[in-house]
Amino acid sequence: MSEEMVFNKSIEYTQRKIKDILSQVPHDDVEKIKELFFNSNRVFVYGAGRSGLVAKAFAIRLVHLGFQTFVIGETITGPVQKGDLVIIVSGSGETIPAVMTAEITRNLGAKVVSITGKKKSGIAKYADITLFISAVCNDIERKKYAPLGTLFEASVWILLDGIIADLLDSKNETEGNMRSRHATLEQ
């Protein structure tokens, strides 16, 4: 099989699986999460590895929407406090720093949203809302076309961008407004 055919099959497979995965996300939970954004002082995100990269991409868009947003673990991040919102992305839901972050956040009185591939996970135990992203599948193609956590991470990225679009609409923002909060060193 040529490289181009593998490339095309990978994209087609991944798109099909993501559509199936995201169709299982309850819209009521997305609405509850959206309410948390409007009822929180600041927003913090956390994730490790590729999940962390997805969380960071979400944080950037939240800043573009005008939310005061921080990435937990970065040097310029302030302390989480009561009234804040913390969103934790973890495929396993059991990564020790993620579970500790969820527990500490809960103890501080902040709200916790967990996004995980494991329903009864350590982070879900401390979460006010958990979005369960069921990306586990035993398809033979998955190992070839979407190895390791690809389906979880890609699904979460699209899920979070969907939340951004929903927040954009709810705040009556525009892409132009977002652009005004974009990087200022570009010409």
Protein backbone atom coordinates (compact mmCIF):
# COMPACT_ATOMS: atom_id res chain seq x y z
CA MET A 1 0.00 0.00 0.00
CA SER A 2 1.40 3.37 -0.96
CA GLU A 3 2.13 6.07 1.62
CA GLU A 4 -0.53 8.30 0.09
CA MET A 5 -3.17 5.59 0.54
CA VAL A 6 -2.19 5.11 4.22
CA PHE A 7 -2.34 8.88 4.70
CA ASN A 8 -5.83 9.10 3.18
CA LYS A 9 -7.10 6.04 5.04
CA SER A 10 -5.76 7.43 8.32
CA ILE A 11 -7.56 10.75 7.82
CA GLU A 12 -10.81 9.07 6.77
CA TYR A 13 -10.65 6.61 9.68
CA THR A 14 -9.84 9.32 12.24
CA GLN A 15 -12.60 11.65 11.01
CA ARG A 16 -15.17 8.85 11.10
CA LYS A 17 -14.17 7.75 14.61
CA ILE A 18 -14.10 11.31 16.00
CA LYS A 19 -17.61 11.93 14.68
CA ASP A 20 -18.83 8.78 16.46
CA ILE A 21 -16.96 9.65 19.67
CA LEU A 22 -18.24 13.23 19.87
CA SER A 23 -21.82 12.22 19.09
CA GLN A 24 -21.84 10.54 22.52
CA VAL A 25 -21.04 13.75 24.46
CA PRO A 26 -24.16 14.92 26.32
CA HIS A 27 -25.17 18.43 25.25
CA ASP A 28 -26.50 19.10 28.76
CA ASP A 29 -22.99 18.66 30.15
CA VAL A 30 -21.58 21.09 27.60
CA GLU A 31 -24.23 23.64 28.66
CA LYS A 32 -23.32 23.15 32.33
CA ILE A 33 -19.64 23.68 31.52
CA LYS A 34 -20.50 26.82 29.57
CA GLU A 35 -22.35 28.16 32.65
CA LEU A 36 -19.24 27.51 34.76
CA PHE A 37 -17.24 29.80 32.47
CA PHE A 38 -19.65 32.65 33.07
CA ASN A 39 -19.79 32.04 36.82
CA SER A 40 -16.05 31.70 37.46
CA ASN A 41 -13.46 34.33 38.25
CA ARG A 42 -10.59 32.80 36.30
CA VAL A 43 -9.95 29.67 34.24
CA PHE A 44 -7.07 27.24 34.63
CA VAL A 45 -6.26 24.27 32.41
CA TYR A 46 -4.09 21.26 33.05
CA GLY A 47 -2.94 18.21 31.14
CA ALA A 48 0.23 16.20 30.67
CA GLY A 49 1.85 15.13 27.41
CA ARG A 50 -0.30 15.43 24.31
CA SER A 51 -3.39 16.01 26.47
CA GLY A 52 -1.53 18.98 27.92
CA LEU A 53 -0.90 20.36 24.45
CA VAL A 54 -4.62 20.14 23.69
CA ALA A 55 -5.37 21.92 26.99
CA LYS A 56 -2.86 24.66 26.15
CA ALA A 57 -4.44 25.20 22.73
CA PHE A 58 -7.80 25.60 24.49
CA ALA A 59 -6.27 28.10 26.92
CA ILE A 60 -5.03 30.23 24.03
CA ARG A 61 -8.51 30.42 22.53
CA LEU A 62 -10.03 31.26 25.92
CA VAL A 63 -7.62 34.20 26.19
CA HIS A 64 -8.68 35.27 22.69
CA LEU A 65 -12.28 35.22 23.98
CA GLY A 66 -11.35 37.48 26.88
CA PHE A 67 -11.31 34.93 29.70
CA GLN A 68 -8.48 35.34 32.21
CA THR A 69 -6.85 31.96 31.64
CA PHE A 70 -3.76 30.20 32.96
CA VAL A 71 -1.99 26.89 32.34
CA ILE A 72 -1.21 25.08 35.58
CA GLY A 73 2.51 24.37 35.80
CA GLU A 74 3.63 27.41 33.83
CA THR A 75 5.86 29.85 35.68
CA ILE A 76 3.48 32.83 35.44
CA THR A 77 0.38 31.00 36.67
CA GLY A 78 -1.27 32.39 39.79
CA PRO A 79 -2.75 30.25 42.54
CA VAL A 80 -6.11 28.58 42.03
CA GLN A 81 -8.70 30.04 44.39
CA LYS A 82 -12.31 29.56 45.37
CA GLY A 83 -14.50 30.82 42.52
CA ASP A 84 -12.08 29.68 39.80
CA LEU A 85 -12.63 26.97 37.19
CA VAL A 86 -10.06 24.25 36.51
CA ILE A 87 -10.31 22.06 33.41
CA ILE A 88 -8.21 18.90 33.46
CA VAL A 89 -7.60 16.79 30.36
CA SER A 90 -6.31 13.25 30.91
CA GLY A 91 -6.95 10.24 28.70
CA SER A 92 -6.45 7.76 31.55
CA GLY A 93 -7.79 10.06 34.24
CA GLU A 94 -5.18 8.51 36.51
CA THR A 95 -2.02 10.53 35.83
CA ILE A 96 -0.78 11.34 39.34
CA PRO A 97 -0.28 15.09 38.80
CA ALA A 98 -3.73 15.33 37.17
CA VAL A 99 -5.43 13.53 40.06
CA MET A 100 -3.53 15.68 42.58
CA THR A 101 -4.55 18.82 40.70
CA ALA A 102 -8.20 17.75 40.76
CA GLU A 103 -8.09 16.93 44.48
CA ILE A 104 -6.32 20.15 45.48
CA THR A 105 -8.63 22.23 43.29
CA ARG A 106 -11.69 20.65 44.88
CA ASN A 107 -10.28 21.24 48.37
CA LEU A 108 -9.69 24.91 47.52
CA GLY A 109 -13.34 25.35 46.57
CA ALA A 110 -12.81 25.87 42.86
CA LYS A 111 -14.90 24.05 40.26
CA VAL A 112 -13.37 21.08 38.44
CA VAL A 113 -14.20 19.87 34.94
CA SER A 114 -12.51 16.64 33.96
CA ILE A 115 -12.22 15.41 30.41
CA THR A 116 -11.15 11.81 30.37
CA GLY A 117 -11.40 8.51 28.58
CA LYS A 118 -12.04 6.61 31.84
CA LYS A 119 -15.44 7.17 33.41
CA LYS A 120 -14.55 6.11 36.97
CA SER A 121 -11.14 7.72 37.12
CA GLY A 122 -9.21 9.55 39.81
CA ILE A 123 -9.87 12.97 38.26
CA ALA A 124 -13.58 12.21 37.74
CA LYS A 125 -13.91 11.48 41.46
CA TYR A 126 -13.11 15.14 42.23
CA ALA A 127 -14.89 16.73 39.28
CA ASP A 128 -18.09 18.74 39.32
CA ILE A 129 -18.63 17.69 35.70
CA THR A 130 -16.86 14.95 33.75
CA LEU A 131 -16.94 14.70 29.99
CA PHE A 132 -16.31 11.06 29.18
CA ILE A 133 -14.66 10.76 25.77
CA SER A 134 -15.01 7.12 24.87
CA ALA A 135 -12.17 6.75 22.37
CA VAL A 136 -11.30 3.13 23.16
CA CYS A 137 -11.89 0.81 20.27
CA ASN A 138 -10.50 -2.54 19.27
CA ASP A 139 -10.54 -1.93 15.53
CA ILE A 140 -7.55 -3.46 13.82
CA GLU A 141 -7.24 -0.23 11.83
CA ARG A 142 -6.88 1.91 14.97
CA LYS A 143 -3.37 0.67 15.68
CA LYS A 144 -2.31 1.49 12.14
CA TYR A 145 -4.24 4.68 11.41
CA ALA A 146 -4.68 6.30 14.86
CA PRO A 147 -2.08 4.85 17.27
CA LEU A 148 -1.95 5.31 21.02
CA GLY A 149 -4.10 8.23 22.23
CA THR A 150 -4.71 9.86 18.86
CA LEU A 151 -8.49 9.41 18.88
CA PHE A 152 -8.85 10.78 22.42
CA GLU A 153 -6.61 13.79 21.85
CA ALA A 154 -8.04 14.70 18.45
CA SER A 155 -11.60 14.30 19.75
CA VAL A 156 -10.92 16.50 22.77
CA TRP A 157 -9.30 19.17 20.57
CA ILE A 158 -12.42 19.35 18.39
CA LEU A 159 -14.72 19.17 21.42
CA LEU A 160 -12.94 22.13 23.05
CA ASP A 161 -12.98 24.14 19.81
CA GLY A 162 -16.74 23.47 19.69
CA ILE A 163 -17.02 24.88 23.21
CA ILE A 164 -15.05 27.93 22.04
CA ALA A 165 -17.55 28.49 19.21
CA ASP A 166 -20.43 28.16 21.68
CA LEU A 167 -18.80 30.62 24.10
CA LEU A 168 -18.10 33.01 21.20
CA ASP A 169 -21.80 33.01 20.38
CA SER A 170 -22.94 33.29 24.01
CA LYS A 171 -20.64 36.25 24.66
CA ASN A 172 -21.79 37.96 21.43
CA GLU A 173 -18.13 38.11 20.44
CA THR A 174 -16.80 38.11 16.91
CA GLU A 175 -13.71 36.71 15.30
CA GLY A 176 -12.59 40.32 14.95
CA ASN A 177 -12.82 40.80 18.72
CA MET A 178 -10.82 37.61 19.20
CA ARG A 179 -8.23 38.83 16.72
CA SER A 180 -7.79 42.02 18.76
CA ARG A 181 -6.68 39.82 21.67
CA HIS A 182 -4.40 37.75 19.45
CA ALA A 183 -0.61 37.97 19.48
CA THR A 184 0.42 41.61 19.21
CA LEU A 185 3.85 41.03 17.69
CA GLU A 186 2.43 39.99 14.33
CA GLN A 187 2.19 42.41 11.40
